[in-house]
Amino acid sequence: MAFVQARSFGSEESTSIRSNNHGRGYGRHRDHPRIYNTIPVSQRNKQQSKDKHGRGRGRRQIFYQWWNVEVELTQNIYLQLLEEEENEINELVYDFTDLMIVQEIEAYRETNNMY
């Protein structure tokens, strides 16, 4: 019972015990060793990366402690910036396509003497 509790809390001991189990401590297939073993080795190793506190980097960041909240906030800010940048790029693309259409119309008018 204590082990299960420890794992869900993300304590130091549970991670070390689990990660010795062929890096199965975290990741999507944490509770399904058989599914996990079907992953090719090259991709399997990616799931063993640890952050600076020796925790595995699970996809869902449930295991962040209170001092990691800062990191999460900066990540959110970064994502917002990326989103804004993407929107700007999309606007540019739309502007460009508009320009191309206008040019095409002008060329059509010129060839057909529609001025």
PDB file of N, CA and C in Angstrom:
ATOM      1  N   MET A   1       0.836  -1.205   0.000  1.00  0.00           N
ATOM      2  CA  MET A   1       0.000   0.000   0.000  1.00  0.00           C
ATOM      3  C   MET A   1       0.871   1.255   0.000  1.00  0.00           C
ATOM      4  N   ALA A   2       1.928   1.201   0.825  1.00  0.00           N
ATOM      5  CA  ALA A   2       2.810   2.366   0.925  1.00  0.00           C
ATOM      6  C   ALA A   2       3.485   2.649  -0.412  1.00  0.00           C
ATOM      7  N   PHE A   3       3.835   1.580  -1.128  1.00  0.00           N
ATOM      8  CA  PHE A   3       4.536   1.774  -2.418  1.00  0.00           C
ATOM      9  C   PHE A   3       3.644   2.472  -3.420  1.00  0.00           C
ATOM     10  N   VAL A   4       2.380   2.041  -3.486  1.00  0.00           N
ATOM     11  CA  VAL A   4       1.447   2.658  -4.432  1.00  0.00           C
ATOM     12  C   VAL A   4       1.280   4.139  -4.106  1.00  0.00           C
ATOM     13  N   GLN A   5       1.121   4.408  -2.812  1.00  0.00           N
ATOM     14  CA  GLN A   5       0.968   5.792  -2.384  1.00  0.00           C
ATOM     15  C   GLN A   5       2.198   6.608  -2.789  1.00  0.00           C
ATOM     16  N   ALA A   6       3.374   6.034  -2.535  1.00  0.00           N
ATOM     17  CA  ALA A   6       4.610   6.739  -2.844  1.00  0.00           C
ATOM     18  C   ALA A   6       4.692   7.040  -4.338  1.00  0.00           C
ATOM     19  N   ARG A   7       4.299   6.062  -5.167  1.00  0.00           N
ATOM     20  CA  ARG A   7       4.439   6.263  -6.603  1.00  0.00           C
ATOM     21  C   ARG A   7       3.523   7.377  -7.082  1.00  0.00           C
ATOM     22  N   SER A   8       2.286   7.397  -6.593  1.00  0.00           N
ATOM     23  CA  SER A   8       1.359   8.411  -7.072  1.00  0.00           C
ATOM     24  C   SER A   8       1.810   9.800  -6.613  1.00  0.00           C
ATOM     25  N   PHE A   9       2.509   9.846  -5.473  1.00  0.00           N
ATOM     26  CA  PHE A   9       2.996  11.146  -5.013  1.00  0.00           C
ATOM     27  C   PHE A   9       4.259  11.553  -5.755  1.00  0.00           C
ATOM     28  N   GLY A  10       4.957  10.566  -6.343  1.00  0.00           N
ATOM     29  CA  GLY A  10       6.161  10.857  -7.097  1.00  0.00           C
ATOM     30  C   GLY A  10       7.364  11.037  -6.210  1.00  0.00           C
ATOM     31  N   SER A  11       7.483  10.211  -5.154  1.00  0.00           N
ATOM     32  CA  SER A  11       8.610  10.405  -4.238  1.00  0.00           C
ATOM     33  C   SER A  11       9.880   9.791  -4.812  1.00  0.00           C
ATOM     34  N   GLU A  12      11.001  10.128  -4.192  1.00  0.00           N
ATOM     35  CA  GLU A  12      12.319   9.758  -4.727  1.00  0.00           C
ATOM     36  C   GLU A  12      12.490   8.236  -4.805  1.00  0.00           C
ATOM     37  N   GLU A  13      12.099   7.514  -3.724  1.00  0.00           N
ATOM     38  CA  GLU A  13      12.355   6.071  -3.664  1.00  0.00           C
ATOM     39  C   GLU A  13      11.620   5.350  -4.790  1.00  0.00           C
ATOM     40  N   SER A  14      10.330   5.718  -4.970  1.00  0.00           N
ATOM     41  CA  SER A  14       9.533   4.979  -5.942  1.00  0.00           C
ATOM     42  C   SER A  14      10.099   5.150  -7.339  1.00  0.00           C
ATOM     43  N   THR A  15      10.589   6.364  -7.648  1.00  0.00           N
ATOM     44  CA  THR A  15      11.112   6.558  -9.003  1.00  0.00           C
ATOM     45  C   THR A  15      12.340   5.695  -9.216  1.00  0.00           C
ATOM     46  N   SER A  16      13.211   5.624  -8.194  1.00  0.00           N
ATOM     47  CA  SER A  16      14.434   4.854  -8.406  1.00  0.00           C
ATOM     48  C   SER A  16      14.112   3.370  -8.553  1.00  0.00           C
ATOM     49  N   ILE A  17      13.175   2.879  -7.738  1.00  0.00           N
ATOM     50  CA  ILE A  17      12.804   1.470  -7.848  1.00  0.00           C
ATOM     51  C   ILE A  17      12.206   1.200  -9.217  1.00  0.00           C
ATOM     52  N   ARG A  18      11.284   2.072  -9.637  1.00  0.00           N
ATOM     53  CA  ARG A  18      10.602   1.833 -10.906  1.00  0.00           C
ATOM     54  C   ARG A  18      11.546   2.008 -12.082  1.00  0.00           C
ATOM     55  N   SER A  19      12.434   3.014 -11.993  1.00  0.00           N
ATOM     56  CA  SER A  19      13.257   3.286 -13.166  1.00  0.00           C
ATOM     57  C   SER A  19      14.314   2.204 -13.355  1.00  0.00           C
ATOM     58  N   ASN A  20      14.648   1.456 -12.285  1.00  0.00           N
ATOM     59  CA  ASN A  20      15.557   0.328 -12.493  1.00  0.00           C
ATOM     60  C   ASN A  20      14.872  -0.770 -13.277  1.00  0.00           C
ATOM     61  N   ASN A  21      13.555  -0.723 -13.318  1.00  0.00           N
ATOM     62  CA  ASN A  21      12.796  -1.750 -14.003  1.00  0.00           C
ATOM     63  C   ASN A  21      12.752  -1.422 -15.495  1.00  0.00           C
ATOM     64  N   HIS A  22      13.916  -1.331 -16.095  1.00  0.00           N
ATOM     65  CA  HIS A  22      14.059  -1.008 -17.523  1.00  0.00           C
ATOM     66  C   HIS A  22      13.382   0.306 -17.866  1.00  0.00           C
ATOM     67  N   GLY A  23      13.514   1.307 -17.013  1.00  0.00           N
ATOM     68  CA  GLY A  23      12.993   2.624 -17.318  1.00  0.00           C
ATOM     69  C   GLY A  23      11.495   2.654 -17.449  1.00  0.00           C
ATOM     70  N   ARG A  24      10.792   1.772 -16.726  1.00  0.00           N
ATOM     71  CA  ARG A  24       9.337   1.744 -16.873  1.00  0.00           C
ATOM     72  C   ARG A  24       8.627   2.616 -15.859  1.00  0.00           C
ATOM     73  N   GLY A  25       9.338   3.527 -15.209  1.00  0.00           N
ATOM     74  CA  GLY A  25       8.704   4.284 -14.133  1.00  0.00           C
ATOM     75  C   GLY A  25       7.619   5.219 -14.614  1.00  0.00           C
ATOM     76  N   TYR A  26       7.848   5.855 -15.757  1.00  0.00           N
ATOM     77  CA  TYR A  26       6.899   6.838 -16.237  1.00  0.00           C
ATOM     78  C   TYR A  26       6.538   6.524 -17.668  1.00  0.00           C
ATOM     79  N   GLY A  27       5.759   7.403 -18.285  1.00  0.00           N
ATOM     80  CA  GLY A  27       5.417   7.194 -19.684  1.00  0.00           C
ATOM     81  C   GLY A  27       4.041   6.595 -19.811  1.00  0.00           C
ATOM     82  N   ARG A  28       3.591   6.471 -21.052  1.00  0.00           N
ATOM     83  CA  ARG A  28       2.215   6.064 -21.284  1.00  0.00           C
ATOM     84  C   ARG A  28       1.944   4.660 -20.786  1.00  0.00           C
ATOM     85  N   HIS A  29       2.936   3.774 -20.910  1.00  0.00           N
ATOM     86  CA  HIS A  29       2.658   2.363 -20.642  1.00  0.00           C
ATOM     87  C   HIS A  29       3.160   1.960 -19.264  1.00  0.00           C
ATOM     88  N   ARG A  30       3.103   2.894 -18.313  1.00  0.00           N
ATOM     89  CA  ARG A  30       3.674   2.652 -16.991  1.00  0.00           C
ATOM     90  C   ARG A  30       3.122   1.379 -16.370  1.00  0.00           C
ATOM     91  N   ASP A  31       1.809   1.183 -16.474  1.00  0.00           N
ATOM     92  CA  ASP A  31       1.208   0.041 -15.782  1.00  0.00           C
ATOM     93  C   ASP A  31       0.991  -1.151 -16.700  1.00  0.00           C
ATOM     94  N   HIS A  32       1.546  -1.084 -17.906  1.00  0.00           N
ATOM     95  CA  HIS A  32       1.361  -2.200 -18.831  1.00  0.00           C
ATOM     96  C   HIS A  32       2.704  -2.649 -19.391  1.00  0.00           C
ATOM     97  N   PRO A  33       3.452  -3.466 -18.614  1.00  0.00           N
ATOM     98  CA  PRO A  33       4.778  -3.871 -19.066  1.00  0.00           C
ATOM     99  C   PRO A  33       4.750  -4.584 -20.412  1.00  0.00           C
ATOM    100  N   ARG A  34       3.675  -5.352 -20.675  1.00  0.00           N
ATOM    101  CA  ARG A  34       3.654  -6.100 -21.940  1.00  0.00           C
ATOM    102  C   ARG A  34       3.549  -5.162 -23.125  1.00  0.00           C
ATOM    103  N   ILE A  35       2.647  -4.162 -23.037  1.00  0.00           N
ATOM    104  CA  ILE A  35       2.528  -3.186 -24.117  1.00  0.00           C
ATOM    105  C   ILE A  35       3.850  -2.455 -24.233  1.00  0.00           C
ATOM    106  N   TYR A  36       4.419  -2.136 -23.062  1.00  0.00           N
ATOM    107  CA  TYR A  36       5.635  -1.342 -23.048  1.00  0.00           C
ATOM    108  C   TYR A  36       6.737  -2.059 -23.816  1.00  0.00           C
ATOM    109  N   ASN A  37       6.820  -3.380 -23.646  1.00  0.00           N
ATOM    110  CA  ASN A  37       7.915  -4.111 -24.261  1.00  0.00           C
ATOM    111  C   ASN A  37       7.809  -4.176 -25.771  1.00  0.00           C
ATOM    112  N   THR A  38       6.646  -3.821 -26.335  1.00  0.00           N
ATOM    113  CA  THR A  38       6.531  -3.872 -27.789  1.00  0.00           C
ATOM    114  C   THR A  38       7.122  -2.613 -28.429  1.00  0.00           C
ATOM    115  N   ILE A  39       7.486  -1.614 -27.591  1.00  0.00           N
ATOM    116  CA  ILE A  39       8.062  -0.387 -28.147  1.00  0.00           C
ATOM    117  C   ILE A  39       9.489  -0.665 -28.592  1.00  0.00           C
ATOM    118  N   PRO A  40       9.883  -0.253 -29.802  1.00  0.00           N
ATOM    119  CA  PRO A  40      11.255  -0.483 -30.229  1.00  0.00           C
ATOM    120  C   PRO A  40      12.248   0.239 -29.337  1.00  0.00           C
ATOM    121  N   VAL A  41      13.462  -0.307 -29.232  1.00  0.00           N
ATOM    122  CA  VAL A  41      14.435   0.178 -28.260  1.00  0.00           C
ATOM    123  C   VAL A  41      14.740   1.651 -28.480  1.00  0.00           C
ATOM    124  N   SER A  42      14.822   2.076 -29.754  1.00  0.00           N
ATOM    125  CA  SER A  42      15.202   3.459 -30.028  1.00  0.00           C
ATOM    126  C   SER A  42      14.211   4.426 -29.402  1.00  0.00           C
ATOM    127  N   GLN A  43      12.926   4.073 -29.441  1.00  0.00           N
ATOM    128  CA  GLN A  43      11.927   4.963 -28.852  1.00  0.00           C
ATOM    129  C   GLN A  43      11.808   4.740 -27.356  1.00  0.00           C
ATOM    130  N   ARG A  44      12.163   3.528 -26.926  1.00  0.00           N
ATOM    131  CA  ARG A  44      12.032   3.203 -25.518  1.00  0.00           C
ATOM    132  C   ARG A  44      12.962   4.094 -24.703  1.00  0.00           C
ATOM    133  N   ASN A  45      14.159   4.363 -25.224  1.00  0.00           N
ATOM    134  CA  ASN A  45      15.137   5.123 -24.456  1.00  0.00           C
ATOM    135  C   ASN A  45      14.699   6.564 -24.252  1.00  0.00           C
ATOM    136  N   LYS A  46      13.877   7.092 -25.155  1.00  0.00           N
ATOM    137  CA  LYS A  46      13.441   8.468 -25.026  1.00  0.00           C
ATOM    138  C   LYS A  46      12.634   8.658 -23.749  1.00  0.00           C
ATOM    139  N   GLN A  47      11.948   7.593 -23.325  1.00  0.00           N
ATOM    140  CA  GLN A  47      11.075   7.754 -22.166  1.00  0.00           C
ATOM    141  C   GLN A  47      11.853   7.670 -20.860  1.00  0.00           C
ATOM    142  N   GLN A  48      13.180   7.448 -20.938  1.00  0.00           N
ATOM    143  CA  GLN A  48      13.942   7.301 -19.703  1.00  0.00           C
ATOM    144  C   GLN A  48      14.552   8.610 -19.251  1.00  0.00           C
ATOM    145  N   SER A  49      14.345   9.691 -20.007  1.00  0.00           N
ATOM    146  CA  SER A  49      15.020  10.936 -19.645  1.00  0.00           C
ATOM    147  C   SER A  49      14.479  11.429 -18.313  1.00  0.00           C
ATOM    148  N   LYS A  50      15.379  11.983 -17.503  1.00  0.00           N
ATOM    149  CA  LYS A  50      14.997  12.460 -16.185  1.00  0.00           C
ATOM    150  C   LYS A  50      15.216  13.973 -16.135  1.00  0.00           C
ATOM    151  N   ASP A  51      14.387  14.656 -15.356  1.00  0.00           N
ATOM    152  CA  ASP A  51      14.641  16.083 -15.181  1.00  0.00           C
ATOM    153  C   ASP A  51      15.662  16.267 -14.063  1.00  0.00           C
ATOM    154  N   LYS A  52      15.923  17.517 -13.662  1.00  0.00           N
ATOM    155  CA  LYS A  52      17.049  17.765 -12.760  1.00  0.00           C
ATOM    156  C   LYS A  52      16.802  17.272 -11.332  1.00  0.00           C
ATOM    157  N   HIS A  53      15.580  16.855 -11.025  1.00  0.00           N
ATOM    158  CA  HIS A  53      15.317  16.322  -9.692  1.00  0.00           C
ATOM    159  C   HIS A  53      15.282  14.808  -9.711  1.00  0.00           C
ATOM    160  N   GLY A  54      15.752  14.205 -10.811  1.00  0.00           N
ATOM    161  CA  GLY A  54      15.771  12.757 -10.885  1.00  0.00           C
ATOM    162  C   GLY A  54      14.412  12.158 -11.142  1.00  0.00           C
ATOM    163  N   ARG A  55      13.448  12.973 -11.508  1.00  0.00           N
ATOM    164  CA  ARG A  55      12.121  12.449 -11.833  1.00  0.00           C
ATOM    165  C   ARG A  55      12.068  12.171 -13.327  1.00  0.00           C
ATOM    166  N   GLY A  56      11.275  11.193 -13.705  1.00  0.00           N
ATOM    167  CA  GLY A  56      11.075  11.001 -15.128  1.00  0.00           C
ATOM    168  C   GLY A  56      10.198  12.121 -15.651  1.00  0.00           C
ATOM    169  N   ARG A  57      10.365  12.478 -16.918  1.00  0.00           N
ATOM    170  CA  ARG A  57       9.514  13.533 -17.456  1.00  0.00           C
ATOM    171  C   ARG A  57       8.280  12.914 -18.064  1.00  0.00           C
ATOM    172  N   GLY A  58       7.245  12.706 -17.243  1.00  0.00           N
ATOM    173  CA  GLY A  58       6.011  12.159 -17.775  1.00  0.00           C
ATOM    174  C   GLY A  58       5.344  13.173 -18.679  1.00  0.00           C
ATOM    175  N   ARG A  59       4.512  12.698 -19.591  1.00  0.00           N
ATOM    176  CA  ARG A  59       3.833  13.627 -20.487  1.00  0.00           C
ATOM    177  C   ARG A  59       2.949  14.556 -19.676  1.00  0.00           C
ATOM    178  N   ARG A  60       2.207  13.977 -18.739  1.00  0.00           N
ATOM    179  CA  ARG A  60       1.367  14.825 -17.884  1.00  0.00           C
ATOM    180  C   ARG A  60       2.208  15.259 -16.706  1.00  0.00           C
ATOM    181  N   GLN A  61       2.276  16.535 -16.460  1.00  0.00           N
ATOM    182  CA  GLN A  61       3.145  17.015 -15.391  1.00  0.00           C
ATOM    183  C   GLN A  61       2.397  17.062 -14.071  1.00  0.00           C
ATOM    184  N   ILE A  62       2.000  15.892 -13.596  1.00  0.00           N
ATOM    185  CA  ILE A  62       1.319  15.825 -12.305  1.00  0.00           C
ATOM    186  C   ILE A  62       2.379  15.856 -11.218  1.00  0.00           C
ATOM    187  N   PHE A  63       3.599  15.467 -11.567  1.00  0.00           N
ATOM    188  CA  PHE A  63       4.618  15.244 -10.550  1.00  0.00           C
ATOM    189  C   PHE A  63       5.393  16.508 -10.232  1.00  0.00           C
ATOM    190  N   TYR A  64       4.935  17.657 -10.748  1.00  0.00           N
ATOM    191  CA  TYR A  64       5.622  18.901 -10.419  1.00  0.00           C
ATOM    192  C   TYR A  64       5.365  19.267  -8.961  1.00  0.00           C
ATOM    193  N   GLN A  65       6.423  19.608  -8.249  1.00  0.00           N
ATOM    194  CA  GLN A  65       6.246  20.114  -6.891  1.00  0.00           C
ATOM    195  C   GLN A  65       5.969  21.611  -6.974  1.00  0.00           C
ATOM    196  N   TRP A  66       5.763  22.206  -5.792  1.00  0.00           N
ATOM    197  CA  TRP A  66       5.396  23.614  -5.801  1.00  0.00           C
ATOM    198  C   TRP A  66       6.480  24.476  -6.416  1.00  0.00           C
ATOM    199  N   TRP A  67       7.794  24.064  -6.280  1.00  0.00           N
ATOM    200  CA  TRP A  67       8.835  24.931  -6.838  1.00  0.00           C
ATOM    201  C   TRP A  67       8.915  24.787  -8.358  1.00  0.00           C
ATOM    202  N   ASN A  68       8.200  23.811  -8.918  1.00  0.00           N
ATOM    203  CA  ASN A  68       8.186  23.658 -10.372  1.00  0.00           C
ATOM    204  C   ASN A  68       7.068  24.449 -11.024  1.00  0.00           C
ATOM    205  N   VAL A  69       6.202  25.054 -10.215  1.00  0.00           N
ATOM    206  CA  VAL A  69       5.082  25.812 -10.772  1.00  0.00           C
ATOM    207  C   VAL A  69       5.617  26.926 -11.659  1.00  0.00           C
ATOM    208  N   GLU A  70       6.735  27.519 -11.193  1.00  0.00           N
ATOM    209  CA  GLU A  70       7.386  28.594 -11.945  1.00  0.00           C
ATOM    210  C   GLU A  70       7.703  28.125 -13.364  1.00  0.00           C
ATOM    211  N   VAL A  71       8.281  26.936 -13.452  1.00  0.00           N
ATOM    212  CA  VAL A  71       8.648  26.370 -14.755  1.00  0.00           C
ATOM    213  C   VAL A  71       7.407  26.251 -15.626  1.00  0.00           C
ATOM    214  N   GLU A  72       6.323  25.741 -15.028  1.00  0.00           N
ATOM    215  CA  GLU A  72       5.095  25.527 -15.790  1.00  0.00           C
ATOM    216  C   GLU A  72       4.570  26.866 -16.321  1.00  0.00           C
ATOM    217  N   LEU A  73       4.640  27.907 -15.485  1.00  0.00           N
ATOM    218  CA  LEU A  73       4.168  29.221 -15.901  1.00  0.00           C
ATOM    219  C   LEU A  73       4.978  29.736 -17.080  1.00  0.00           C
ATOM    220  N   THR A  74       6.327  29.600 -16.972  1.00  0.00           N
ATOM    221  CA  THR A  74       7.153  30.088 -18.079  1.00  0.00           C
ATOM    222  C   THR A  74       6.834  29.314 -19.348  1.00  0.00           C
ATOM    223  N   GLN A  75       6.558  28.014 -19.204  1.00  0.00           N
ATOM    224  CA  GLN A  75       6.199  27.212 -20.374  1.00  0.00           C
ATOM    225  C   GLN A  75       4.918  27.755 -21.006  1.00  0.00           C
ATOM    226  N   ASN A  76       3.933  28.080 -20.157  1.00  0.00           N
ATOM    227  CA  ASN A  76       2.674  28.619 -20.685  1.00  0.00           C
ATOM    228  C   ASN A  76       2.914  29.918 -21.437  1.00  0.00           C
ATOM    229  N   ILE A  77       3.747  30.789 -20.861  1.00  0.00           N
ATOM    230  CA  ILE A  77       4.049  32.065 -21.513  1.00  0.00           C
ATOM    231  C   ILE A  77       4.688  31.794 -22.870  1.00  0.00           C
ATOM    232  N   TYR A  78       5.636  30.841 -22.881  1.00  0.00           N
ATOM    233  CA  TYR A  78       6.337  30.503 -24.120  1.00  0.00           C
ATOM    234  C   TYR A  78       5.350  30.004 -25.169  1.00  0.00           C
ATOM    235  N   LEU A  79       4.419  29.155 -24.727  1.00  0.00           N
ATOM    236  CA  LEU A  79       3.416  28.624 -25.660  1.00  0.00           C
ATOM    237  C   LEU A  79       2.558  29.753 -26.230  1.00  0.00           C
ATOM    238  N   GLN A  80       2.190  30.706 -25.356  1.00  0.00           N
ATOM    239  CA  GLN A  80       1.398  31.845 -25.830  1.00  0.00           C
ATOM    240  C   GLN A  80       2.156  32.622 -26.893  1.00  0.00           C
ATOM    241  N   LEU A  81       3.462  32.853 -26.628  1.00  0.00           N
ATOM    242  CA  LEU A  81       4.286  33.590 -27.590  1.00  0.00           C
ATOM    243  C   LEU A  81       4.316  32.853 -28.923  1.00  0.00           C
ATOM    244  N   LEU A  82       4.519  31.521 -28.840  1.00  0.00           N
ATOM    245  CA  LEU A  82       4.559  30.718 -30.062  1.00  0.00           C
ATOM    246  C   LEU A  82       3.257  30.868 -30.836  1.00  0.00           C
ATOM    247  N   GLU A  83       2.148  30.820 -30.100  1.00  0.00           N
ATOM    248  CA  GLU A  83       0.834  30.907 -30.737  1.00  0.00           C
ATOM    249  C   GLU A  83       0.686  32.252 -31.461  1.00  0.00           C
ATOM    250  N   GLU A  84       1.095  33.329 -30.766  1.00  0.00           N
ATOM    251  CA  GLU A  84       0.998  34.660 -31.365  1.00  0.00           C
ATOM    252  C   GLU A  84       1.834  34.730 -32.640  1.00  0.00           C
ATOM    253  N   GLU A  85       3.059  34.153 -32.539  1.00  0.00           N
ATOM    254  CA  GLU A  85       3.959  34.168 -33.692  1.00  0.00           C
ATOM    255  C   GLU A  85       3.309  33.440 -34.861  1.00  0.00           C
ATOM    256  N   GLU A  86       2.708  32.291 -34.549  1.00  0.00           N
ATOM    257  CA  GLU A  86       2.069  31.483 -35.578  1.00  0.00           C
ATOM    258  C   GLU A  86       0.945  32.275 -36.253  1.00  0.00           C
ATOM    259  N   ASN A  87       0.153  32.976 -35.436  1.00  0.00           N
ATOM    260  CA  ASN A  87      -0.938  33.784 -35.983  1.00  0.00           C
ATOM    261  C   ASN A  87      -0.405  34.855 -36.922  1.00  0.00           C
ATOM    262  N   GLU A  88       0.712  35.495 -36.486  1.00  0.00           N
ATOM    263  CA  GLU A  88       1.308  36.535 -37.326  1.00  0.00           C
ATOM    264  C   GLU A  88       1.720  35.947 -38.669  1.00  0.00           C
ATOM    265  N   ILE A  89       2.371  34.786 -38.604  1.00  0.00           N
ATOM    266  CA  ILE A  89       2.833  34.140 -39.838  1.00  0.00           C
ATOM    267  C   ILE A  89       1.637  33.824 -40.733  1.00  0.00           C
ATOM    268  N   ASN A  90       0.567  33.307 -40.135  1.00  0.00           N
ATOM    269  CA  ASN A  90      -0.631  33.000 -40.918  1.00  0.00           C
ATOM    270  C   ASN A  90      -1.177  34.245 -41.596  1.00  0.00           C
ATOM    271  N   GLU A  91      -1.198  35.367 -40.847  1.00  0.00           N
ATOM    272  CA  GLU A  91      -1.684  36.616 -41.430  1.00  0.00           C
ATOM    273  C   GLU A  91      -0.833  37.002 -42.638  1.00  0.00           C
ATOM    274  N   LEU A  92       0.500  36.856 -42.460  1.00  0.00           N
ATOM    275  CA  LEU A  92       1.406  37.178 -43.560  1.00  0.00           C
ATOM    276  C   LEU A  92       1.090  36.326 -44.781  1.00  0.00           C
ATOM    277  N   VAL A  93       0.873  35.024 -44.514  1.00  0.00           N
ATOM    278  CA  VAL A  93       0.578  34.098 -45.614  1.00  0.00           C
ATOM    279  C   VAL A  93      -0.691  34.536 -46.332  1.00  0.00           C
ATOM    280  N   TYR A  94      -1.716  34.902 -45.540  1.00  0.00           N
ATOM    281  CA  TYR A  94      -2.977  35.337 -46.151  1.00  0.00           C
ATOM    282  C   TYR A  94      -2.756  36.597 -46.991  1.00  0.00           C
ATOM    283  N   ASP A  95      -1.992  37.545 -46.425  1.00  0.00           N
ATOM    284  CA  ASP A  95      -1.692  38.772 -47.178  1.00  0.00           C
ATOM    285  C   ASP A  95      -1.046  38.415 -48.504  1.00  0.00           C
ATOM    286  N   PHE A  96      -0.082  37.501 -48.437  1.00  0.00           N
ATOM    287  CA  PHE A  96       0.655  37.128 -49.636  1.00  0.00           C
ATOM    288  C   PHE A  96      -0.282  36.514 -50.676  1.00  0.00           C
ATOM    289  N   THR A  97      -1.163  35.599 -50.214  1.00  0.00           N
ATOM    290  CA  THR A  97      -2.085  34.957 -51.170  1.00  0.00           C
ATOM    291  C   THR A  97      -3.017  36.000 -51.775  1.00  0.00           C
ATOM    292  N   ASP A  98      -3.469  36.961 -50.950  1.00  0.00           N
ATOM    293  CA  ASP A  98      -4.320  38.042 -51.478  1.00  0.00           C
ATOM    294  C   ASP A  98      -3.592  38.781 -52.591  1.00  0.00           C
ATOM    295  N   LEU A  99      -2.320  39.099 -52.317  1.00  0.00           N
ATOM    296  CA  LEU A  99      -1.515  39.824 -53.301  1.00  0.00           C
ATOM    297  C   LEU A  99      -1.423  39.031 -54.598  1.00  0.00           C
ATOM    298  N   MET A 100      -1.174  37.716 -54.454  1.00  0.00           N
ATOM    299  CA  MET A 100      -1.046  36.864 -55.647  1.00  0.00           C
ATOM    300  C   MET A 100      -2.344  36.895 -56.451  1.00  0.00           C
ATOM    301  N   ILE A 101      -3.473  36.823 -55.759  1.00  0.00           N
ATOM    302  CA  ILE A 101      -4.772  36.809 -56.446  1.00  0.00           C
ATOM    303  C   ILE A 101      -4.966  38.127 -57.198  1.00  0.00           C
ATOM    304  N   VAL A 102      -4.647  39.248 -56.511  1.00  0.00           N
ATOM    305  CA  VAL A 102      -4.789  40.564 -57.136  1.00  0.00           C
ATOM    306  C   VAL A 102      -3.931  40.628 -58.397  1.00  0.00           C
ATOM    307  N   GLN A 103      -2.682  40.148 -58.283  1.00  0.00           N
ATOM    308  CA  GLN A 103      -1.779  40.168 -59.440  1.00  0.00           C
ATOM    309  C   GLN A 103      -2.340  39.327 -60.583  1.00  0.00           C
ATOM    310  N   GLU A 104      -2.884  38.168 -60.240  1.00  0.00           N
ATOM    311  CA  GLU A 104      -3.453  37.284 -61.269  1.00  0.00           C
ATOM    312  C   GLU A 104      -4.611  37.987 -61.984  1.00  0.00           C
ATOM    313  N   ILE A 105      -5.474  38.655 -61.196  1.00  0.00           N
ATOM    314  CA  ILE A 105      -6.619  39.359 -61.788  1.00  0.00           C
ATOM    315  C   ILE A 105      -6.117  40.442 -62.739  1.00  0.00           C
ATOM    316  N   GLU A 106      -5.097  41.207 -62.275  1.00  0.00           N
ATOM    317  CA  GLU A 106      -4.545  42.276 -63.115  1.00  0.00           C
ATOM    318  C   GLU A 106      -3.991  41.717 -64.410  1.00  0.00           C
ATOM    319  N   ALA A 107      -3.246  40.625 -64.309  1.00  0.00           N
ATOM    320  CA  ALA A 107      -2.640  40.011 -65.495  1.00  0.00           C
ATOM    321  C   ALA A 107      -3.738  39.566 -66.455  1.00  0.00           C
ATOM    322  N   TYR A 108      -4.823  38.973 -65.906  1.00  0.00           N
ATOM    323  CA  TYR A 108      -5.943  38.500 -66.728  1.00  0.00           C
ATOM    324  C   TYR A 108      -6.586  39.675 -67.476  1.00  0.00           C
ATOM    325  N   ARG A 109      -6.785  40.766 -66.707  1.00  0.00           N
ATOM    326  CA  ARG A 109      -7.396  41.955 -67.320  1.00  0.00           C
ATOM    327  C   ARG A 109      -6.523  42.502 -68.445  1.00  0.00           C
ATOM    328  N   GLU A 110      -5.187  42.528 -68.190  1.00  0.00           N
ATOM    329  CA  GLU A 110      -4.279  43.058 -69.207  1.00  0.00           C
ATOM    330  C   GLU A 110      -4.334  42.205 -70.463  1.00  0.00           C
ATOM    331  N   THR A 111      -4.287  40.867 -70.302  1.00  0.00           N
ATOM    332  CA  THR A 111      -4.257  39.996 -71.481  1.00  0.00           C
ATOM    333  C   THR A 111      -5.565  40.101 -72.263  1.00  0.00           C
ATOM    334  N   ASN A 112      -6.671  40.350 -71.559  1.00  0.00           N
ATOM    335  CA  ASN A 112      -7.957  40.394 -72.246  1.00  0.00           C
ATOM    336  C   ASN A 112      -8.463  41.813 -72.499  1.00  0.00           C
ATOM    337  N   ASN A 113      -7.559  42.796 -72.349  1.00  0.00           N
ATOM    338  CA  ASN A 113      -7.899  44.201 -72.599  1.00  0.00           C
ATOM    339  C   ASN A 113      -9.198  44.618 -71.919  1.00  0.00           C
ATOM    340  N   MET A 114      -9.289  44.319 -70.617  1.00  0.00           N
ATOM    341  CA  MET A 114     -10.538  44.642 -69.918  1.00  0.00           C
ATOM    342  C   MET A 114     -10.445  45.957 -69.159  1.00  0.00           C
ATOM    343  N   TYR A 115      -9.420  46.778 -69.448  1.00  0.00           N
ATOM    344  CA  TYR A 115      -9.312  48.048 -68.722  1.00  0.00           C
ATOM    345  C   TYR A 115     -10.159  49.108 -69.371  1.00  0.00           C
TER     346      TYR A 115
END
